[in-house]
Amino acid sequence: MLINLILRVLPFYIREPIIIAICAFFTGLAFYWFFMAGGLGRAGFGLLFLAVGALRAYFFRKEWRSHQAAKKGGVTQQA
């Protein structure tokens, strides 16, 4: 409950890197367990966390660039 409140209050340029780091940690943990103990379920969770982290990083990069352009007064084209 408290972590949800904290993550909603934080601005995106602090919140998104935290979420990406958490996804990277769980990706590494799942792949480590997969290589040490086996099991396709662990590999599936590793790929899931990797995909979520990559998507969050992609959207964060896009938002960060538009945020920087807005601060400079430039207009960017939205795709």
N, C-alpha and C. Protein backbone atom coordinates (compact mmCIF):
# COMPACT_ATOMS: atom_id res chain seq x y z
N MET A 1 0.81 -1.19 0.00
CA MET A 1 0.00 0.00 0.00
C MET A 1 0.86 1.26 0.00
N LEU A 2 1.84 1.29 0.88
CA LEU A 2 2.67 2.48 0.99
C LEU A 2 3.53 2.67 -0.25
N ILE A 3 4.03 1.57 -0.82
CA ILE A 3 4.86 1.70 -2.02
C ILE A 3 4.03 2.23 -3.19
N ASN A 4 2.77 1.84 -3.26
CA ASN A 4 1.88 2.34 -4.30
C ASN A 4 1.69 3.85 -4.16
N LEU A 5 1.51 4.32 -2.97
CA LEU A 5 1.35 5.75 -2.72
C LEU A 5 2.62 6.50 -3.09
N ILE A 6 3.76 5.96 -2.69
CA ILE A 6 5.04 6.62 -3.00
C ILE A 6 5.26 6.69 -4.51
N LEU A 7 4.97 5.60 -5.22
CA LEU A 7 5.20 5.58 -6.67
C LEU A 7 4.23 6.49 -7.41
N ARG A 8 3.05 6.70 -6.87
CA ARG A 8 2.12 7.63 -7.53
C ARG A 8 2.51 9.07 -7.30
N VAL A 9 3.13 9.37 -6.18
CA VAL A 9 3.49 10.74 -5.84
C VAL A 9 4.77 11.17 -6.56
N LEU A 10 5.70 10.24 -6.78
CA LEU A 10 6.97 10.58 -7.42
C LEU A 10 6.78 11.02 -8.86
N PRO A 11 7.58 11.96 -9.33
CA PRO A 11 7.51 12.34 -10.75
C PRO A 11 8.06 11.22 -11.63
N PHE A 12 7.70 11.27 -12.91
CA PHE A 12 8.02 10.15 -13.79
C PHE A 12 9.52 9.95 -13.96
N TYR A 13 10.31 11.01 -13.90
CA TYR A 13 11.74 10.86 -14.12
C TYR A 13 12.46 10.25 -12.93
N ILE A 14 11.77 10.06 -11.82
CA ILE A 14 12.31 9.31 -10.69
C ILE A 14 11.63 7.94 -10.62
N ARG A 15 10.33 7.89 -10.87
CA ARG A 15 9.55 6.66 -10.75
C ARG A 15 9.95 5.63 -11.81
N GLU A 16 10.08 6.04 -13.06
CA GLU A 16 10.34 5.07 -14.13
C GLU A 16 11.68 4.36 -13.99
N PRO A 17 12.79 5.08 -13.68
CA PRO A 17 14.04 4.33 -13.49
C PRO A 17 13.99 3.34 -12.33
N ILE A 18 13.22 3.65 -11.29
CA ILE A 18 13.07 2.71 -10.18
C ILE A 18 12.36 1.45 -10.66
N ILE A 19 11.30 1.61 -11.44
CA ILE A 19 10.55 0.46 -11.95
C ILE A 19 11.41 -0.35 -12.91
N ILE A 20 12.18 0.33 -13.76
CA ILE A 20 13.07 -0.37 -14.69
C ILE A 20 14.13 -1.16 -13.93
N ALA A 21 14.67 -0.58 -12.87
CA ALA A 21 15.68 -1.28 -12.06
C ALA A 21 15.08 -2.50 -11.37
N ILE A 22 13.86 -2.38 -10.88
CA ILE A 22 13.19 -3.52 -10.25
C ILE A 22 12.96 -4.64 -11.26
N CYS A 23 12.54 -4.27 -12.47
CA CYS A 23 12.34 -5.28 -13.52
C CYS A 23 13.67 -5.94 -13.90
N ALA A 24 14.74 -5.16 -13.97
CA ALA A 24 16.05 -5.73 -14.30
C ALA A 24 16.51 -6.69 -13.21
N PHE A 25 16.26 -6.34 -11.95
CA PHE A 25 16.63 -7.23 -10.84
C PHE A 25 15.88 -8.55 -10.93
N PHE A 26 14.56 -8.49 -11.12
CA PHE A 26 13.79 -9.72 -11.18
C PHE A 26 14.09 -10.53 -12.43
N THR A 27 14.48 -9.86 -13.53
CA THR A 27 14.91 -10.58 -14.73
C THR A 27 16.16 -11.38 -14.43
N GLY A 28 17.14 -10.73 -13.82
CA GLY A 28 18.37 -11.43 -13.48
C GLY A 28 18.13 -12.57 -12.50
N LEU A 29 17.27 -12.34 -11.52
CA LEU A 29 16.96 -13.37 -10.55
C LEU A 29 16.29 -14.58 -11.21
N ALA A 30 15.33 -14.33 -12.07
CA ALA A 30 14.63 -15.43 -12.74
C ALA A 30 15.56 -16.20 -13.67
N PHE A 31 16.42 -15.49 -14.41
CA PHE A 31 17.35 -16.18 -15.30
C PHE A 31 18.41 -16.95 -14.50
N TYR A 32 18.83 -16.40 -13.38
CA TYR A 32 19.78 -17.12 -12.53
C TYR A 32 19.15 -18.43 -12.04
N TRP A 33 17.93 -18.37 -11.54
CA TRP A 33 17.27 -19.59 -11.09
C TRP A 33 17.06 -20.57 -12.24
N PHE A 34 16.77 -20.02 -13.44
CA PHE A 34 16.58 -20.90 -14.60
C PHE A 34 17.87 -21.64 -14.92
N PHE A 35 19.01 -20.96 -14.91
CA PHE A 35 20.27 -21.61 -15.24
C PHE A 35 20.75 -22.54 -14.14
N MET A 36 20.44 -22.22 -12.90
CA MET A 36 20.89 -23.06 -11.79
C MET A 36 19.97 -24.25 -11.54
N ALA A 37 18.68 -24.05 -11.61
CA ALA A 37 17.74 -25.11 -11.23
C ALA A 37 16.92 -25.62 -12.42
N GLY A 38 16.89 -24.88 -13.51
CA GLY A 38 16.10 -25.31 -14.66
C GLY A 38 14.64 -24.91 -14.51
N GLY A 39 13.86 -25.34 -15.45
CA GLY A 39 12.43 -25.05 -15.42
C GLY A 39 12.07 -23.92 -16.37
N LEU A 40 11.19 -24.21 -17.29
CA LEU A 40 10.81 -23.21 -18.27
C LEU A 40 9.97 -22.08 -17.69
N GLY A 41 9.32 -22.34 -16.58
CA GLY A 41 8.53 -21.29 -15.93
C GLY A 41 9.39 -20.12 -15.49
N ARG A 42 10.56 -20.44 -14.97
CA ARG A 42 11.48 -19.39 -14.54
C ARG A 42 11.97 -18.58 -15.73
N ALA A 43 12.26 -19.26 -16.82
CA ALA A 43 12.69 -18.55 -18.02
C ALA A 43 11.56 -17.67 -18.56
N GLY A 44 10.34 -18.16 -18.47
CA GLY A 44 9.18 -17.38 -18.90
C GLY A 44 9.01 -16.11 -18.08
N PHE A 45 9.18 -16.23 -16.77
CA PHE A 45 9.09 -15.05 -15.92
C PHE A 45 10.24 -14.09 -16.21
N GLY A 46 11.42 -14.62 -16.49
CA GLY A 46 12.54 -13.77 -16.85
C GLY A 46 12.27 -12.99 -18.12
N LEU A 47 11.72 -13.66 -19.12
CA LEU A 47 11.37 -12.97 -20.36
C LEU A 47 10.26 -11.95 -20.15
N LEU A 48 9.31 -12.28 -19.29
CA LEU A 48 8.23 -11.35 -18.99
C LEU A 48 8.76 -10.07 -18.35
N PHE A 49 9.61 -10.22 -17.33
CA PHE A 49 10.18 -9.04 -16.68
C PHE A 49 11.08 -8.27 -17.62
N LEU A 50 11.80 -8.98 -18.50
CA LEU A 50 12.65 -8.31 -19.49
C LEU A 50 11.81 -7.49 -20.46
N ALA A 51 10.70 -8.04 -20.91
CA ALA A 51 9.82 -7.31 -21.83
C ALA A 51 9.20 -6.09 -21.15
N VAL A 52 8.75 -6.25 -19.92
CA VAL A 52 8.15 -5.12 -19.20
C VAL A 52 9.18 -4.02 -18.98
N GLY A 53 10.39 -4.39 -18.58
CA GLY A 53 11.45 -3.41 -18.38
C GLY A 53 11.84 -2.71 -19.67
N ALA A 54 11.91 -3.45 -20.77
CA ALA A 54 12.26 -2.84 -22.06
C ALA A 54 11.17 -1.88 -22.53
N LEU A 55 9.91 -2.26 -22.35
CA LEU A 55 8.83 -1.36 -22.74
C LEU A 55 8.80 -0.10 -21.89
N ARG A 56 9.02 -0.26 -20.59
CA ARG A 56 9.06 0.92 -19.72
C ARG A 56 10.22 1.83 -20.09
N ALA A 57 11.36 1.24 -20.45
CA ALA A 57 12.52 2.04 -20.84
C ALA A 57 12.24 2.77 -22.15
N TYR A 58 11.57 2.12 -23.08
CA TYR A 58 11.23 2.75 -24.36
C TYR A 58 10.29 3.94 -24.14
N PHE A 59 9.25 3.74 -23.35
CA PHE A 59 8.30 4.82 -23.10
C PHE A 59 8.93 5.94 -22.27
N PHE A 60 9.80 5.57 -21.33
CA PHE A 60 10.49 6.58 -20.53
C PHE A 60 11.38 7.44 -21.42
N ARG A 61 12.10 6.83 -22.35
CA ARG A 61 12.96 7.58 -23.26
C ARG A 61 12.14 8.56 -24.10
N LYS A 62 11.00 8.08 -24.58
CA LYS A 62 10.12 8.92 -25.39
C LYS A 62 9.58 10.10 -24.57
N GLU A 63 9.12 9.83 -23.36
CA GLU A 63 8.60 10.89 -22.49
C GLU A 63 9.71 11.86 -22.07
N TRP A 64 10.89 11.33 -21.80
CA TRP A 64 11.99 12.19 -21.38
C TRP A 64 12.38 13.15 -22.49
N ARG A 65 12.41 12.67 -23.71
CA ARG A 65 12.76 13.54 -24.83
C ARG A 65 11.70 14.62 -25.05
N SER A 66 10.45 14.27 -24.93
CA SER A 66 9.40 15.28 -25.09
C SER A 66 9.42 16.27 -23.91
N HIS A 67 9.77 15.79 -22.73
CA HIS A 67 9.88 16.66 -21.56
C HIS A 67 11.02 17.66 -21.75
N GLN A 68 12.16 17.19 -22.24
CA GLN A 68 13.30 18.08 -22.47
C GLN A 68 13.00 19.09 -23.57
N ALA A 69 12.30 18.66 -24.61
CA ALA A 69 11.94 19.57 -25.69
C ALA A 69 10.96 20.64 -25.21
N ALA A 70 10.05 20.26 -24.32
CA ALA A 70 9.09 21.23 -23.78
C ALA A 70 9.80 22.25 -22.88
N LYS A 71 10.82 21.80 -22.15
CA LYS A 71 11.56 22.72 -21.30
C LYS A 71 12.34 23.73 -22.14
N LYS A 72 12.85 23.29 -23.30
CA LYS A 72 13.61 24.19 -24.16
C LYS A 72 12.70 25.07 -25.01
N GLY A 73 11.43 24.75 -25.06
CA GLY A 73 10.49 25.54 -25.83
C GLY A 73 10.29 25.01 -27.23
N GLY A 74 10.91 23.91 -27.55
CA GLY A 74 10.76 23.31 -28.88
C GLY A 74 9.52 22.46 -28.95
N VAL A 75 9.09 22.21 -30.15
CA VAL A 75 7.92 21.37 -30.38
C VAL A 75 8.39 20.11 -31.07
N THR A 76 8.00 18.95 -30.52
CA THR A 76 8.35 17.69 -31.13
C THR A 76 7.13 17.08 -31.76
N GLN A 77 7.38 16.25 -32.75
CA GLN A 77 6.30 15.60 -33.46
C GLN A 77 5.95 14.31 -32.72
N GLN A 78 4.68 14.11 -32.45
CA GLN A 78 4.24 12.90 -31.78
C GLN A 78 3.95 11.83 -32.82
N ALA A 79 4.44 10.65 -32.58
CA ALA A 79 4.23 9.53 -33.52
C ALA A 79 3.03 8.72 -33.12
